[in-house]
């Protein structure tokens, strides 16, 4: 999990009509093969984690876990949300790419700052 930019990308996917929310909708999207990416809140229940992890594994769908249910809900303009499925490959890749964004910029800034001290 990285920055608010990732939440913004999730919001973009929602505004594009490419997000399904809620356990039933996400499970249906996985079964139908339309889910390209599933996002689960870090505070999901153990039962939900097990069910979704198993379904994503069997359906070969990438699962990302992070943010609170409140943060995910706010990102899509809804009350708290534990599960989201992104149904567009390009948007899913954009979100996934932001999620795994390395913190190289921070390292460069720190290195640059340290270099100026010496």
Protein backbone atom coordinates (compact mmCIF):
# COMPACT_ATOMS: atom_id res chain seq x y z
CA UNK A 1 0.00 0.00 0.00
CA UNK A 2 1.38 3.42 -0.82
CA UNK A 3 -0.27 6.82 -1.03
CA UNK A 4 -3.55 8.63 -1.44
CA UNK A 5 -2.78 8.54 -5.17
CA UNK A 6 -3.81 4.88 -5.09
CA UNK A 7 -7.12 5.80 -3.46
CA UNK A 8 -7.58 8.44 -6.17
CA UNK A 9 -7.05 5.79 -8.81
CA UNK A 10 -9.67 3.60 -7.18
CA UNK A 11 -12.04 6.59 -7.24
CA UNK A 12 -11.27 7.11 -10.93
CA UNK A 13 -12.20 3.48 -11.65
CA UNK A 14 -15.46 3.96 -9.70
CA UNK A 15 -16.36 7.09 -11.66
CA UNK A 16 -15.67 5.16 -14.87
CA UNK A 17 -18.20 2.55 -13.75
CA UNK A 18 -15.55 -0.17 -13.50
CA UNK A 19 -15.82 -1.03 -9.80
CA UNK A 20 -18.08 -3.57 -8.11
CA UNK A 21 -18.45 -3.30 -4.33
CA UNK A 22 -19.65 -5.61 -1.59
CA UNK A 23 -18.99 -9.29 -1.00
CA UNK A 24 -21.80 -10.62 -3.22
CA UNK A 25 -20.89 -8.37 -6.14
CA UNK A 26 -17.17 -9.09 -5.85
CA UNK A 27 -17.72 -12.85 -5.63
CA UNK A 28 -19.98 -12.73 -8.69
CA UNK A 29 -17.38 -10.73 -10.63
CA UNK A 30 -14.71 -13.29 -9.73
CA UNK A 31 -16.95 -16.20 -10.74
CA UNK A 32 -17.94 -14.50 -14.01
CA UNK A 33 -14.32 -13.75 -14.84
CA UNK A 34 -14.89 -9.99 -15.02
CA UNK A 35 -12.81 -9.09 -11.93
CA UNK A 36 -9.32 -8.00 -12.93
CA UNK A 37 -8.31 -6.95 -9.43
CA UNK A 38 -9.82 -7.28 -5.96
CA UNK A 39 -9.05 -4.83 -3.16
CA UNK A 40 -9.85 -5.85 0.42
CA UNK A 41 -9.62 -3.58 3.44
CA UNK A 42 -7.01 -4.36 6.07
CA UNK A 43 -9.77 -4.60 8.67
CA UNK A 44 -11.84 -7.26 6.88
CA UNK A 45 -13.07 -10.10 9.08
CA UNK A 46 -11.21 -13.41 9.17
CA UNK A 47 -14.15 -15.10 7.44
CA UNK A 48 -14.20 -12.56 4.61
CA UNK A 49 -10.43 -12.83 4.22
CA UNK A 50 -10.61 -16.61 3.90
CA UNK A 51 -13.49 -16.59 1.41
CA UNK A 52 -12.00 -13.87 -0.79
CA UNK A 53 -8.44 -15.21 -0.67
CA UNK A 54 -9.68 -18.67 -1.71
CA UNK A 55 -11.87 -17.28 -4.53
CA UNK A 56 -9.13 -15.02 -5.86
CA UNK A 57 -6.63 -17.86 -5.80
CA UNK A 58 -8.99 -20.24 -7.63
CA UNK A 59 -10.03 -17.53 -10.09
CA UNK A 60 -6.45 -16.31 -10.67
CA UNK A 61 -7.40 -12.75 -9.66
CA UNK A 62 -4.88 -10.46 -7.99
CA UNK A 63 -5.87 -9.55 -4.43
CA UNK A 64 -4.50 -6.45 -2.72
CA UNK A 65 -5.13 -5.89 0.98
CA UNK A 66 -4.77 -2.53 2.66
CA UNK A 67 -6.41 0.69 3.78
CA UNK A 68 -9.34 0.75 6.19
CA UNK A 69 -12.95 0.14 5.21
CA UNK A 70 -13.53 3.87 5.72
CA UNK A 71 -10.71 4.89 3.39
CA UNK A 72 -11.89 2.50 0.66
CA UNK A 73 -15.47 3.72 1.08
CA UNK A 74 -14.41 7.35 0.84
CA UNK A 75 -12.39 6.57 -2.30
CA UNK A 76 -15.51 5.32 -4.09
CA UNK A 77 -17.90 7.87 -2.59
CA UNK A 78 -19.80 5.36 -0.47
CA UNK A 79 -20.04 4.46 3.18
CA UNK A 80 -17.44 2.01 4.44
CA UNK A 81 -16.43 -0.68 1.94
CA UNK A 82 -14.50 -3.84 2.74
CA UNK A 83 -14.31 -5.24 -0.80
CA UNK A 84 -13.94 -3.78 -4.28
CA UNK A 85 -13.43 -5.49 -7.62
CA UNK A 86 -12.04 -3.55 -10.57
CA UNK A 87 -13.44 -4.85 -13.87
CA UNK A 88 -11.21 -2.99 -16.33
CA UNK A 89 -7.72 -4.38 -17.01
CA UNK A 90 -6.11 -0.96 -17.67
CA UNK A 91 -7.51 0.59 -14.50
CA UNK A 92 -6.61 -2.52 -12.51
CA UNK A 93 -3.02 -2.26 -13.76
CA UNK A 94 -2.94 1.44 -12.86
CA UNK A 95 -4.12 0.72 -9.30
CA UNK A 96 -1.80 -2.27 -8.93
CA UNK A 97 1.13 -0.21 -10.18
CA UNK A 98 0.44 2.51 -7.65
CA UNK A 99 0.05 -0.05 -4.88
CA UNK A 100 3.52 -1.46 -5.47
CA UNK A 101 5.16 1.88 -6.20
CA UNK A 102 8.57 1.79 -4.58
CA UNK A 103 9.58 4.59 -2.28
CA UNK A 104 12.57 5.45 -4.48
CA UNK A 105 11.64 9.13 -4.53
CA UNK A 106 11.97 9.29 -0.75
CA UNK A 107 15.30 7.47 -0.98
CA UNK A 108 16.56 9.88 -3.64
CA UNK A 109 15.45 12.86 -1.59
CA UNK A 110 17.10 11.45 1.52
CA UNK A 111 20.27 10.64 -0.40
CA UNK A 112 20.30 14.08 -1.95
CA UNK A 113 19.78 15.64 1.45
CA UNK A 114 22.53 13.55 3.00
CA UNK A 115 24.87 14.47 0.14
CA UNK A 116 24.34 18.16 0.89
CA UNK A 117 25.29 17.66 4.52
CA UNK A 118 28.71 16.24 3.77
